[in-house]
């Protein structure tokens, strides 16, 4: 097992060549975390918040960091389907000014961030935490309103839309300001899915008006605290890619799909402007053989060897249905053979 060293990921995020091939994953899954750590989650905790398991698991797999949700800060919405795939029109609770005023907006300052403090004593010497949140600004606006209702509201009540994004965005900004203040934290992930496979969920103009200014302030807050800012966003973002590094100032971009833009092509187009993180398509990782997955991973490492600005991983995260041997085939291209 190699020793974690956040400096490697830092060099990637600075668009430099790391000292060795570097891994990046947004998150794994509960069973894999426990197997890698060698012990279960603590009673009452889960894969979002048990820093002891997360640190042990990410370290054992060869990562230079562990990802964690900084606190229980979240926006409550209505009932929605318990299925793994559910409609983005379900669960809305804000329909008009009256329901907006009645909504109980969460206070990020009132949340418990002690897991970030505790992690400082658990982290190996050169390892850091990367903090993410319970959805993102756009995602939570959709959760509170419903996607179709939000589209209608953009036409019917633009002032209310502005106020909703103000309430959501300002609270996420404060959440990340608090998280970035902990010494154990090396970077934040602002995770907010903006697109379908064919286009963005809102027009580029509306995203620039309502969503992007808050992400810009989040990235600025991270940088002000001496931390890196990573964007995780799914979908076809070709219309707004330049906004991500030029306007919002993110250091790295995560989430890629072969049917939208294969990571190899994304690296060719953007790696001199923003770090390319992960990218091996989840469908590819699920369907292909371990040998083919390892070959693709090795080719990506070779492709980025001279310039850097790349960390190896999947295009999204490691779901529980991804074959275990396929996951280890991918990371072994960077980290060597690991215990299976």
C-alpha atoms as a PDB file:
ATOM      1  CA  UNK A   1       0.000   0.000   0.000  1.00  0.00           C
ATOM      2  CA  UNK A   2       1.401   3.384  -0.951  1.00  0.00           C
ATOM      3  CA  UNK A   3       1.401   6.280   1.498  1.00  0.00           C
ATOM      4  CA  UNK A   4      -1.196   8.995   0.799  1.00  0.00           C
ATOM      5  CA  UNK A   5       0.155  12.401  -0.150  1.00  0.00           C
ATOM      6  CA  UNK A   6      -2.306  15.164  -0.983  1.00  0.00           C
ATOM      7  CA  UNK A   7       0.510  17.057  -2.728  1.00  0.00           C
ATOM      8  CA  UNK A   8       0.043  14.745  -5.716  1.00  0.00           C
ATOM      9  CA  UNK A   9      -3.601  15.713  -6.196  1.00  0.00           C
ATOM     10  CA  UNK A  10      -2.679  19.339  -5.514  1.00  0.00           C
ATOM     11  CA  UNK A  11      -0.227  19.243  -8.426  1.00  0.00           C
ATOM     12  CA  UNK A  12      -2.932  17.777 -10.658  1.00  0.00           C
ATOM     13  CA  UNK A  13      -5.315  20.570  -9.636  1.00  0.00           C
ATOM     14  CA  UNK A  14      -2.582  23.086 -10.450  1.00  0.00           C
ATOM     15  CA  UNK A  15      -2.419  21.510 -13.948  1.00  0.00           C
ATOM     16  CA  UNK A  16       1.009  20.051 -13.251  1.00  0.00           C
ATOM     17  CA  UNK A  17       2.484  16.564 -13.409  1.00  0.00           C
ATOM     18  CA  UNK A  18       2.076  14.686 -10.095  1.00  0.00           C
ATOM     19  CA  UNK A  19       4.999  12.819  -8.565  1.00  0.00           C
ATOM     20  CA  UNK A  20       3.251   9.519  -9.353  1.00  0.00           C
ATOM     21  CA  UNK A  21       0.006   8.408 -11.020  1.00  0.00           C
ATOM     22  CA  UNK A  22      -2.804   9.828  -8.926  1.00  0.00           C
ATOM     23  CA  UNK A  23      -6.306   8.516  -8.292  1.00  0.00           C
ATOM     24  CA  UNK A  24      -9.553  10.458  -8.028  1.00  0.00           C
ATOM     25  CA  UNK A  25     -13.024   9.259  -7.131  1.00  0.00           C
ATOM     26  CA  UNK A  26     -16.009  11.257  -5.890  1.00  0.00           C
ATOM     27  CA  UNK A  27     -17.280   8.481  -3.636  1.00  0.00           C
ATOM     28  CA  UNK A  28     -17.393   4.689  -3.443  1.00  0.00           C
ATOM     29  CA  UNK A  29     -20.195   2.587  -1.908  1.00  0.00           C
ATOM     30  CA  UNK A  30     -20.956   1.400   1.612  1.00  0.00           C
ATOM     31  CA  UNK A  31     -19.865  -2.235   1.180  1.00  0.00           C
ATOM     32  CA  UNK A  32     -16.636  -1.283  -0.585  1.00  0.00           C
ATOM     33  CA  UNK A  33     -15.805   1.289   2.094  1.00  0.00           C
ATOM     34  CA  UNK A  34     -16.196  -1.288   4.837  1.00  0.00           C
ATOM     35  CA  UNK A  35     -14.251  -3.959   2.976  1.00  0.00           C
ATOM     36  CA  UNK A  36     -11.369  -1.606   2.233  1.00  0.00           C
ATOM     37  CA  UNK A  37     -11.317  -0.223   5.771  1.00  0.00           C
ATOM     38  CA  UNK A  38     -11.546  -3.666   7.334  1.00  0.00           C
ATOM     39  CA  UNK A  39     -14.266  -2.668   9.802  1.00  0.00           C
ATOM     40  CA  UNK A  40     -17.913  -1.509   9.648  1.00  0.00           C
ATOM     41  CA  UNK A  41     -19.433   1.925   9.964  1.00  0.00           C
ATOM     42  CA  UNK A  42     -20.014   3.076  13.519  1.00  0.00           C
ATOM     43  CA  UNK A  43     -23.570   2.595  14.837  1.00  0.00           C
ATOM     44  CA  UNK A  44     -25.767   5.492  13.799  1.00  0.00           C
ATOM     45  CA  UNK A  45     -23.343   6.702  11.130  1.00  0.00           C
ATOM     46  CA  UNK A  46     -23.167   6.024   7.398  1.00  0.00           C
ATOM     47  CA  UNK A  47     -20.904   6.359   4.402  1.00  0.00           C
ATOM     48  CA  UNK A  48     -21.423  10.132   4.252  1.00  0.00           C
ATOM     49  CA  UNK A  49     -20.251  10.920   7.743  1.00  0.00           C
ATOM     50  CA  UNK A  50     -18.086   8.210   9.363  1.00  0.00           C
ATOM     51  CA  UNK A  51     -14.666   9.762   8.932  1.00  0.00           C
ATOM     52  CA  UNK A  52     -12.866   6.788  10.500  1.00  0.00           C
ATOM     53  CA  UNK A  53     -14.107   4.336   7.847  1.00  0.00           C
ATOM     54  CA  UNK A  54     -13.754   6.817   4.990  1.00  0.00           C
ATOM     55  CA  UNK A  55     -10.153   7.679   5.812  1.00  0.00           C
ATOM     56  CA  UNK A  56      -9.154   4.031   6.227  1.00  0.00           C
ATOM     57  CA  UNK A  57     -10.903   2.976   3.007  1.00  0.00           C
ATOM     58  CA  UNK A  58      -9.580   5.717   0.741  1.00  0.00           C
ATOM     59  CA  UNK A  59      -6.087   5.292   2.156  1.00  0.00           C
ATOM     60  CA  UNK A  60      -6.145   1.512   1.651  1.00  0.00           C
ATOM     61  CA  UNK A  61      -7.229   1.934  -1.985  1.00  0.00           C
ATOM     62  CA  UNK A  62      -4.368   4.314  -2.764  1.00  0.00           C
ATOM     63  CA  UNK A  63      -6.063   7.730  -2.713  1.00  0.00           C
ATOM     64  CA  UNK A  64      -4.395  10.833  -1.289  1.00  0.00           C
ATOM     65  CA  UNK A  65      -7.605  12.091   0.337  1.00  0.00           C
ATOM     66  CA  UNK A  66     -11.016  10.976   1.542  1.00  0.00           C
ATOM     67  CA  UNK A  67     -14.303  12.613   0.573  1.00  0.00           C
ATOM     68  CA  UNK A  68     -16.868  13.455   3.235  1.00  0.00           C
ATOM     69  CA  UNK A  69     -20.025  15.497   3.794  1.00  0.00           C
ATOM     70  CA  UNK A  70     -19.001  18.236   6.221  1.00  0.00           C
ATOM     71  CA  UNK A  71     -22.168  18.216   8.338  1.00  0.00           C
ATOM     72  CA  UNK A  72     -25.842  17.286   8.179  1.00  0.00           C
ATOM     73  CA  UNK A  73     -26.685  20.569   6.427  1.00  0.00           C
ATOM     74  CA  UNK A  74     -29.447  19.878   3.888  1.00  0.00           C
ATOM     75  CA  UNK A  75     -32.682  21.201   2.428  1.00  0.00           C
ATOM     76  CA  UNK A  76     -35.846  19.312   3.320  1.00  0.00           C
ATOM     77  CA  UNK A  77     -38.319  18.632   0.535  1.00  0.00           C
ATOM     78  CA  UNK A  78     -41.525  16.667   0.107  1.00  0.00           C
ATOM     79  CA  UNK A  79     -41.975  12.942  -0.214  1.00  0.00           C
ATOM     80  CA  UNK A  80     -40.482  11.341  -3.304  1.00  0.00           C
ATOM     81  CA  UNK A  81     -39.974   7.860  -4.675  1.00  0.00           C
ATOM     82  CA  UNK A  82     -37.584   5.573  -2.793  1.00  0.00           C
ATOM     83  CA  UNK A  83     -36.369   4.044  -6.055  1.00  0.00           C
ATOM     84  CA  UNK A  84     -32.720   4.518  -7.029  1.00  0.00           C
ATOM     85  CA  UNK A  85     -33.919   6.344 -10.140  1.00  0.00           C
ATOM     86  CA  UNK A  86     -36.585   8.976  -9.550  1.00  0.00           C
ATOM     87  CA  UNK A  87     -38.171  11.908 -11.305  1.00  0.00           C
ATOM     88  CA  UNK A  88     -36.720  15.395 -10.844  1.00  0.00           C
ATOM     89  CA  UNK A  89     -40.321  16.622 -10.782  1.00  0.00           C
ATOM     90  CA  UNK A  90     -41.095  14.856  -7.477  1.00  0.00           C
ATOM     91  CA  UNK A  91     -41.105  16.283  -3.975  1.00  0.00           C
ATOM     92  CA  UNK A  92     -41.394  20.033  -4.614  1.00  0.00           C
ATOM     93  CA  UNK A  93     -42.611  22.106  -1.653  1.00  0.00           C
ATOM     94  CA  UNK A  94     -42.310  25.684  -2.957  1.00  0.00           C
ATOM     95  CA  UNK A  95     -44.949  26.684  -5.487  1.00  0.00           C
ATOM     96  CA  UNK A  96     -45.514  30.382  -4.784  1.00  0.00           C
ATOM     97  CA  UNK A  97     -44.500  33.290  -2.530  1.00  0.00           C
ATOM     98  CA  UNK A  98     -46.590  32.007   0.379  1.00  0.00           C
ATOM     99  CA  UNK A  99     -44.937  28.568   0.418  1.00  0.00           C
ATOM    100  CA  UNK A 100     -41.539  30.234  -0.057  1.00  0.00           C
ATOM    101  CA  UNK A 101     -42.105  32.373   3.036  1.00  0.00           C
ATOM    102  CA  UNK A 102     -43.346  29.379   5.034  1.00  0.00           C
ATOM    103  CA  UNK A 103     -40.378  27.143   4.196  1.00  0.00           C
ATOM    104  CA  UNK A 104     -37.958  26.453   7.080  1.00  0.00           C
ATOM    105  CA  UNK A 105     -34.601  27.387   5.572  1.00  0.00           C
ATOM    106  CA  UNK A 106     -31.669  25.489   7.131  1.00  0.00           C
ATOM    107  CA  UNK A 107     -28.930  27.379   8.954  1.00  0.00           C
ATOM    108  CA  UNK A 108     -25.467  26.046   8.074  1.00  0.00           C
ATOM    109  CA  UNK A 109     -23.986  27.765  11.136  1.00  0.00           C
ATOM    110  CA  UNK A 110     -26.241  25.692  13.382  1.00  0.00           C
ATOM    111  CA  UNK A 111     -24.919  22.365  12.034  1.00  0.00           C
ATOM    112  CA  UNK A 112     -22.312  20.112  13.627  1.00  0.00           C
ATOM    113  CA  UNK A 113     -18.967  20.021  11.783  1.00  0.00           C
ATOM    114  CA  UNK A 114     -17.102  18.060  14.446  1.00  0.00           C
ATOM    115  CA  UNK A 115     -16.381  15.191  12.025  1.00  0.00           C
ATOM    116  CA  UNK A 116     -14.003  17.536  10.176  1.00  0.00           C
ATOM    117  CA  UNK A 117     -12.226  18.373  13.422  1.00  0.00           C
ATOM    118  CA  UNK A 118     -11.997  14.714  14.455  1.00  0.00           C
ATOM    119  CA  UNK A 119     -10.592  13.721  11.086  1.00  0.00           C
ATOM    120  CA  UNK A 120      -7.515  15.834  11.750  1.00  0.00           C
ATOM    121  CA  UNK A 121      -6.307  13.355  14.360  1.00  0.00           C
ATOM    122  CA  UNK A 122      -7.131  10.329  12.169  1.00  0.00           C
ATOM    123  CA  UNK A 123      -5.580  11.351   8.863  1.00  0.00           C
ATOM    124  CA  UNK A 124      -2.192   9.932   7.878  1.00  0.00           C
ATOM    125  CA  UNK A 125       0.475  12.612   7.865  1.00  0.00           C
ATOM    126  CA  UNK A 126       0.028  13.925   4.317  1.00  0.00           C
ATOM    127  CA  UNK A 127      -3.612  13.004   3.662  1.00  0.00           C
ATOM    128  CA  UNK A 128      -6.507  15.504   3.503  1.00  0.00           C
ATOM    129  CA  UNK A 129     -10.289  15.487   3.406  1.00  0.00           C
ATOM    130  CA  UNK A 130     -12.299  16.750   0.430  1.00  0.00           C
ATOM    131  CA  UNK A 131     -15.727  18.061   1.427  1.00  0.00           C
ATOM    132  CA  UNK A 132     -18.896  17.839  -0.624  1.00  0.00           C
ATOM    133  CA  UNK A 133     -22.485  18.778   0.097  1.00  0.00           C
ATOM    134  CA  UNK A 134     -25.966  17.294  -0.006  1.00  0.00           C
ATOM    135  CA  UNK A 135     -26.553  18.136  -3.654  1.00  0.00           C
ATOM    136  CA  UNK A 136     -25.783  21.504  -5.179  1.00  0.00           C
ATOM    137  CA  UNK A 137     -27.392  24.863  -5.753  1.00  0.00           C
ATOM    138  CA  UNK A 138     -29.304  23.988  -8.910  1.00  0.00           C
ATOM    139  CA  UNK A 139     -30.126  20.491  -7.687  1.00  0.00           C
ATOM    140  CA  UNK A 140     -31.617  21.778  -4.451  1.00  0.00           C
ATOM    141  CA  UNK A 141     -33.631  24.465  -6.204  1.00  0.00           C
ATOM    142  CA  UNK A 142     -35.061  21.670  -8.355  1.00  0.00           C
ATOM    143  CA  UNK A 143     -35.646  19.547  -5.254  1.00  0.00           C
ATOM    144  CA  UNK A 144     -37.600  22.360  -3.595  1.00  0.00           C
ATOM    145  CA  UNK A 145     -39.632  23.376  -6.641  1.00  0.00           C
ATOM    146  CA  UNK A 146     -39.607  20.490  -9.128  1.00  0.00           C
ATOM    147  CA  UNK A 147     -37.886  20.749 -12.494  1.00  0.00           C
ATOM    148  CA  UNK A 148     -40.925  21.405 -14.689  1.00  0.00           C
ATOM    149  CA  UNK A 149     -42.370  23.807 -12.111  1.00  0.00           C
ATOM    150  CA  UNK A 150     -39.063  25.667 -12.012  1.00  0.00           C
ATOM    151  CA  UNK A 151     -39.164  26.070 -15.790  1.00  0.00           C
ATOM    152  CA  UNK A 152     -42.699  27.506 -15.576  1.00  0.00           C
ATOM    153  CA  UNK A 153     -41.679  29.728 -12.687  1.00  0.00           C
ATOM    154  CA  UNK A 154     -38.835  31.200 -14.738  1.00  0.00           C
ATOM    155  CA  UNK A 155     -41.486  32.560 -17.089  1.00  0.00           C
ATOM    156  CA  UNK A 156     -44.180  33.402 -14.524  1.00  0.00           C
ATOM    157  CA  UNK A 157     -42.312  34.758 -11.487  1.00  0.00           C
ATOM    158  CA  UNK A 158     -38.677  35.598 -12.127  1.00  0.00           C
ATOM    159  CA  UNK A 159     -38.370  37.470  -8.827  1.00  0.00           C
ATOM    160  CA  UNK A 160     -39.388  34.366  -6.878  1.00  0.00           C
ATOM    161  CA  UNK A 161     -36.846  32.280  -8.809  1.00  0.00           C
ATOM    162  CA  UNK A 162     -34.160  34.820  -7.950  1.00  0.00           C
ATOM    163  CA  UNK A 163     -35.104  34.661  -4.279  1.00  0.00           C
ATOM    164  CA  UNK A 164     -35.057  30.849  -4.223  1.00  0.00           C
ATOM    165  CA  UNK A 165     -31.559  30.735  -5.685  1.00  0.00           C
ATOM    166  CA  UNK A 166     -30.486  33.469  -3.259  1.00  0.00           C
ATOM    167  CA  UNK A 167     -31.650  31.427  -0.266  1.00  0.00           C
ATOM    168  CA  UNK A 168     -30.117  28.177  -1.513  1.00  0.00           C
ATOM    169  CA  UNK A 169     -26.903  29.698  -2.854  1.00  0.00           C
ATOM    170  CA  UNK A 170     -26.100  31.862   0.157  1.00  0.00           C
ATOM    171  CA  UNK A 171     -26.514  28.903   2.495  1.00  0.00           C
ATOM    172  CA  UNK A 172     -24.284  26.635   0.412  1.00  0.00           C
ATOM    173  CA  UNK A 173     -21.695  29.401   0.260  1.00  0.00           C
ATOM    174  CA  UNK A 174     -21.671  29.620   4.045  1.00  0.00           C
ATOM    175  CA  UNK A 175     -21.510  25.809   4.358  1.00  0.00           C
ATOM    176  CA  UNK A 176     -18.384  25.660   2.202  1.00  0.00           C
ATOM    177  CA  UNK A 177     -16.843  28.684   3.938  1.00  0.00           C
ATOM    178  CA  UNK A 178     -17.130  26.819   7.247  1.00  0.00           C
ATOM    179  CA  UNK A 179     -15.783  23.550   5.828  1.00  0.00           C
ATOM    180  CA  UNK A 180     -12.843  25.216   4.097  1.00  0.00           C
ATOM    181  CA  UNK A 181     -11.743  26.680   7.427  1.00  0.00           C
ATOM    182  CA  UNK A 182     -10.716  23.286   8.835  1.00  0.00           C
ATOM    183  CA  UNK A 183      -7.048  22.307   8.595  1.00  0.00           C
ATOM    184  CA  UNK A 184      -8.037  18.729   7.739  1.00  0.00           C
ATOM    185  CA  UNK A 185      -9.706  19.898   4.513  1.00  0.00           C
ATOM    186  CA  UNK A 186      -7.617  20.199   1.351  1.00  0.00           C
ATOM    187  CA  UNK A 187     -10.380  20.905  -1.177  1.00  0.00           C
ATOM    188  CA  UNK A 188     -14.127  21.176  -1.624  1.00  0.00           C
ATOM    189  CA  UNK A 189     -16.337  19.592  -4.274  1.00  0.00           C
ATOM    190  CA  UNK A 190     -19.251  21.729  -5.363  1.00  0.00           C
ATOM    191  CA  UNK A 191     -21.473  18.954  -6.709  1.00  0.00           C
ATOM    192  CA  UNK A 192     -24.325  20.159  -8.894  1.00  0.00           C
ATOM    193  CA  UNK A 193     -25.625  18.358 -12.006  1.00  0.00           C
ATOM    194  CA  UNK A 194     -26.477  20.838 -14.774  1.00  0.00           C
ATOM    195  CA  UNK A 195     -27.231  18.802 -17.860  1.00  0.00           C
ATOM    196  CA  UNK A 196     -28.963  16.087 -19.815  1.00  0.00           C
ATOM    197  CA  UNK A 197     -26.854  13.990 -22.170  1.00  0.00           C
ATOM    198  CA  UNK A 198     -27.740  16.379 -25.014  1.00  0.00           C
ATOM    199  CA  UNK A 199     -27.772  19.854 -23.413  1.00  0.00           C
ATOM    200  CA  UNK A 200     -27.967  21.794 -20.168  1.00  0.00           C
ATOM    201  CA  UNK A 201     -31.104  21.521 -18.017  1.00  0.00           C
ATOM    202  CA  UNK A 202     -31.575  25.297 -18.152  1.00  0.00           C
ATOM    203  CA  UNK A 203     -30.370  27.621 -20.867  1.00  0.00           C
ATOM    204  CA  UNK A 204     -26.779  28.777 -20.567  1.00  0.00           C
ATOM    205  CA  UNK A 205     -28.091  32.297 -20.002  1.00  0.00           C
ATOM    206  CA  UNK A 206     -30.268  31.234 -17.062  1.00  0.00           C
ATOM    207  CA  UNK A 207     -27.455  29.191 -15.527  1.00  0.00           C
ATOM    208  CA  UNK A 208     -25.192  32.221 -15.766  1.00  0.00           C
ATOM    209  CA  UNK A 209     -27.833  34.405 -14.161  1.00  0.00           C
ATOM    210  CA  UNK A 210     -29.062  32.217 -11.298  1.00  0.00           C
ATOM    211  CA  UNK A 211     -26.564  29.413 -10.636  1.00  0.00           C
ATOM    212  CA  UNK A 212     -23.021  30.232 -11.696  1.00  0.00           C
ATOM    213  CA  UNK A 213     -22.525  33.374  -9.550  1.00  0.00           C
ATOM    214  CA  UNK A 214     -22.922  31.252  -6.413  1.00  0.00           C
ATOM    215  CA  UNK A 215     -20.448  28.643  -7.625  1.00  0.00           C
ATOM    216  CA  UNK A 216     -18.000  31.433  -8.373  1.00  0.00           C
ATOM    217  CA  UNK A 217     -18.300  32.680  -4.804  1.00  0.00           C
ATOM    218  CA  UNK A 218     -17.886  29.138  -3.462  1.00  0.00           C
ATOM    219  CA  UNK A 219     -14.677  28.660  -5.479  1.00  0.00           C
ATOM    220  CA  UNK A 220     -13.442  32.045  -4.282  1.00  0.00           C
ATOM    221  CA  UNK A 221     -14.187  31.107  -0.672  1.00  0.00           C
ATOM    222  CA  UNK A 222     -12.189  27.891  -1.027  1.00  0.00           C
ATOM    223  CA  UNK A 223      -9.251  29.723  -2.573  1.00  0.00           C
ATOM    224  CA  UNK A 224      -9.388  32.413   0.130  1.00  0.00           C
ATOM    225  CA  UNK A 225      -8.877  29.653   2.711  1.00  0.00           C
ATOM    226  CA  UNK A 226      -5.984  28.206   0.716  1.00  0.00           C
ATOM    227  CA  UNK A 227      -8.022  25.233  -0.505  1.00  0.00           C
ATOM    228  CA  UNK A 228      -8.794  23.893  -3.982  1.00  0.00           C
ATOM    229  CA  UNK A 229     -12.231  23.999  -5.615  1.00  0.00           C
ATOM    230  CA  UNK A 230     -13.522  21.065  -7.682  1.00  0.00           C
ATOM    231  CA  UNK A 231     -16.731  20.948  -9.700  1.00  0.00           C
ATOM    232  CA  UNK A 232     -18.678  17.727 -10.082  1.00  0.00           C
ATOM    233  CA  UNK A 233     -21.390  18.202 -12.691  1.00  0.00           C
ATOM    234  CA  UNK A 234     -23.018  15.653 -14.973  1.00  0.00           C
ATOM    235  CA  UNK A 235     -24.494  16.198 -18.411  1.00  0.00           C
ATOM    236  CA  UNK A 236     -23.559  17.882 -21.671  1.00  0.00           C
ATOM    237  CA  UNK A 237     -21.916  21.129 -20.592  1.00  0.00           C
ATOM    238  CA  UNK A 238     -20.266  22.048 -23.890  1.00  0.00           C
ATOM    239  CA  UNK A 239     -21.995  25.448 -23.941  1.00  0.00           C
ATOM    240  CA  UNK A 240     -20.690  26.422 -20.528  1.00  0.00           C
ATOM    241  CA  UNK A 241     -17.320  24.688 -20.195  1.00  0.00           C
ATOM    242  CA  UNK A 242     -15.412  27.945 -20.507  1.00  0.00           C
ATOM    243  CA  UNK A 243     -17.474  29.418 -17.669  1.00  0.00           C
ATOM    244  CA  UNK A 244     -16.235  26.668 -15.361  1.00  0.00           C
ATOM    245  CA  UNK A 245     -12.581  27.695 -15.369  1.00  0.00           C
ATOM    246  CA  UNK A 246     -12.631  31.227 -16.764  1.00  0.00           C
ATOM    247  CA  UNK A 247     -15.524  32.738 -14.806  1.00  0.00           C
ATOM    248  CA  UNK A 248     -16.135  30.456 -11.810  1.00  0.00           C
ATOM    249  CA  UNK A 249     -12.470  29.599 -11.385  1.00  0.00           C
ATOM    250  CA  UNK A 250     -12.698  25.900 -10.547  1.00  0.00           C
ATOM    251  CA  UNK A 251      -9.400  24.017 -10.371  1.00  0.00           C
ATOM    252  CA  UNK A 252     -10.748  20.640 -11.506  1.00  0.00           C
ATOM    253  CA  UNK A 253     -13.778  19.196 -13.285  1.00  0.00           C
ATOM    254  CA  UNK A 254     -15.270  15.765 -12.600  1.00  0.00           C
ATOM    255  CA  UNK A 255     -17.962  13.668 -14.348  1.00  0.00           C
ATOM    256  CA  UNK A 256     -17.654  12.466 -17.930  1.00  0.00           C
ATOM    257  CA  UNK A 257     -19.591  10.031 -20.128  1.00  0.00           C
ATOM    258  CA  UNK A 258     -18.470   8.390 -23.350  1.00  0.00           C
ATOM    259  CA  UNK A 259     -21.773   9.176 -25.073  1.00  0.00           C
ATOM    260  CA  UNK A 260     -21.294  12.893 -24.327  1.00  0.00           C
ATOM    261  CA  UNK A 261     -17.535  13.451 -24.395  1.00  0.00           C
ATOM    262  CA  UNK A 262     -15.018  10.656 -23.745  1.00  0.00           C
ATOM    263  CA  UNK A 263     -12.499  11.659 -21.119  1.00  0.00           C
ATOM    264  CA  UNK A 264      -9.633  11.197 -23.569  1.00  0.00           C
ATOM    265  CA  UNK A 265     -11.124  13.897 -25.799  1.00  0.00           C
ATOM    266  CA  UNK A 266     -11.900  16.105 -22.803  1.00  0.00           C
ATOM    267  CA  UNK A 267      -8.247  15.861 -21.811  1.00  0.00           C
ATOM    268  CA  UNK A 268      -7.144  16.966 -25.271  1.00  0.00           C
ATOM    269  CA  UNK A 269      -9.543  19.925 -25.267  1.00  0.00           C
ATOM    270  CA  UNK A 270      -9.374  21.228 -21.720  1.00  0.00           C
ATOM    271  CA  UNK A 271      -6.429  19.913 -19.685  1.00  0.00           C
ATOM    272  CA  UNK A 272      -4.370  23.061 -20.191  1.00  0.00           C
ATOM    273  CA  UNK A 273      -7.238  25.079 -18.667  1.00  0.00           C
ATOM    274  CA  UNK A 274      -8.594  22.834 -15.900  1.00  0.00           C
ATOM    275  CA  UNK A 275      -7.607  19.544 -14.279  1.00  0.00           C
ATOM    276  CA  UNK A 276      -9.449  16.530 -15.682  1.00  0.00           C
ATOM    277  CA  UNK A 277     -10.541  14.203 -12.876  1.00  0.00           C
ATOM    278  CA  UNK A 278     -11.661  10.609 -13.349  1.00  0.00           C
ATOM    279  CA  UNK A 279     -13.633  10.078 -16.511  1.00  0.00           C
ATOM    280  CA  UNK A 280     -13.639   6.371 -17.356  1.00  0.00           C
ATOM    281  CA  UNK A 281     -17.278   5.838 -18.218  1.00  0.00           C
ATOM    282  CA  UNK A 282     -19.337   3.950 -15.613  1.00  0.00           C
ATOM    283  CA  UNK A 283     -21.133   1.904 -18.272  1.00  0.00           C
ATOM    284  CA  UNK A 284     -17.745   0.916 -19.722  1.00  0.00           C
ATOM    285  CA  UNK A 285     -16.502  -0.060 -16.257  1.00  0.00           C
ATOM    286  CA  UNK A 286     -19.587  -2.180 -15.636  1.00  0.00           C
ATOM    287  CA  UNK A 287     -19.710  -4.000 -18.972  1.00  0.00           C
ATOM    288  CA  UNK A 288     -16.101  -4.488 -20.004  1.00  0.00           C
ATOM    289  CA  UNK A 289     -13.571  -7.048 -18.833  1.00  0.00           C
ATOM    290  CA  UNK A 290     -10.986  -6.191 -16.179  1.00  0.00           C
ATOM    291  CA  UNK A 291      -8.237  -6.460 -18.805  1.00  0.00           C
ATOM    292  CA  UNK A 292      -9.858  -3.925 -21.133  1.00  0.00           C
ATOM    293  CA  UNK A 293     -10.551  -1.567 -18.235  1.00  0.00           C
ATOM    294  CA  UNK A 294      -6.955  -1.742 -17.076  1.00  0.00           C
ATOM    295  CA  UNK A 295      -5.666  -1.143 -20.614  1.00  0.00           C
ATOM    296  CA  UNK A 296      -7.809   1.991 -20.962  1.00  0.00           C
ATOM    297  CA  UNK A 297      -6.652   3.225 -17.549  1.00  0.00           C
ATOM    298  CA  UNK A 298      -3.000   2.651 -18.438  1.00  0.00           C
ATOM    299  CA  UNK A 299      -3.453   4.485 -21.736  1.00  0.00           C
ATOM    300  CA  UNK A 300      -4.913   7.482 -19.900  1.00  0.00           C
ATOM    301  CA  UNK A 301      -1.954   7.515 -17.533  1.00  0.00           C
ATOM    302  CA  UNK A 302       0.459   7.416 -20.477  1.00  0.00           C
ATOM    303  CA  UNK A 303      -1.503  10.114 -22.311  1.00  0.00           C
ATOM    304  CA  UNK A 304      -1.215  12.477 -19.359  1.00  0.00           C
ATOM    305  CA  UNK A 305       2.251  11.489 -18.188  1.00  0.00           C
ATOM    306  CA  UNK A 306       4.190  14.368 -19.705  1.00  0.00           C
ATOM    307  CA  UNK A 307       1.812  17.231 -18.947  1.00  0.00           C
ATOM    308  CA  UNK A 308      -0.080  15.984 -15.899  1.00  0.00           C
ATOM    309  CA  UNK A 309      -3.379  17.725 -15.105  1.00  0.00           C
ATOM    310  CA  UNK A 310      -5.109  14.329 -14.801  1.00  0.00           C
ATOM    311  CA  UNK A 311      -6.122  11.953 -12.007  1.00  0.00           C
ATOM    312  CA  UNK A 312      -7.413   8.463 -12.802  1.00  0.00           C
ATOM    313  CA  UNK A 313     -10.928   7.359 -11.862  1.00  0.00           C
ATOM    314  CA  UNK A 314     -14.431   6.728 -13.115  1.00  0.00           C
ATOM    315  CA  UNK A 315     -16.710   9.248 -14.742  1.00  0.00           C
ATOM    316  CA  UNK A 316     -18.981   9.528 -11.725  1.00  0.00           C
ATOM    317  CA  UNK A 317     -18.614   7.275  -8.650  1.00  0.00           C
ATOM    318  CA  UNK A 318     -18.421   3.593  -7.715  1.00  0.00           C
ATOM    319  CA  UNK A 319     -21.956   2.138  -7.466  1.00  0.00           C
ATOM    320  CA  UNK A 320     -22.588  -1.123  -5.666  1.00  0.00           C
ATOM    321  CA  UNK A 321     -23.409  -2.885  -8.947  1.00  0.00           C
ATOM    322  CA  UNK A 322     -20.008  -2.192 -10.517  1.00  0.00           C
ATOM    323  CA  UNK A 323     -18.088  -5.510 -10.401  1.00  0.00           C
ATOM    324  CA  UNK A 324     -15.420  -5.418  -7.725  1.00  0.00           C
ATOM    325  CA  UNK A 325     -12.763  -6.883 -10.003  1.00  0.00           C
ATOM    326  CA  UNK A 326     -13.408  -4.160 -12.568  1.00  0.00           C
ATOM    327  CA  UNK A 327     -12.875  -1.405 -10.016  1.00  0.00           C
ATOM    328  CA  UNK A 328      -9.591  -2.913  -8.843  1.00  0.00           C
ATOM    329  CA  UNK A 329      -8.454  -3.395 -12.431  1.00  0.00           C
ATOM    330  CA  UNK A 330      -8.874   0.334 -13.007  1.00  0.00           C
ATOM    331  CA  UNK A 331      -7.091   1.600  -9.900  1.00  0.00           C
ATOM    332  CA  UNK A 332      -4.326  -0.988 -10.165  1.00  0.00           C
ATOM    333  CA  UNK A 333      -3.147   0.815 -13.297  1.00  0.00           C
ATOM    334  CA  UNK A 334      -2.041   3.613 -10.984  1.00  0.00           C
ATOM    335  CA  UNK A 335      -1.601   1.975  -7.622  1.00  0.00           C
ATOM    336  CA  UNK A 336      -0.363  -1.536  -8.393  1.00  0.00           C
ATOM    337  CA  UNK A 337      -2.090  -4.759  -7.374  1.00  0.00           C
ATOM    338  CA  UNK A 338      -4.276  -4.348  -4.311  1.00  0.00           C
ATOM    339  CA  UNK A 339      -5.937  -6.796  -1.972  1.00  0.00           C
ATOM    340  CA  UNK A 340      -9.163  -7.978  -3.579  1.00  0.00           C
END
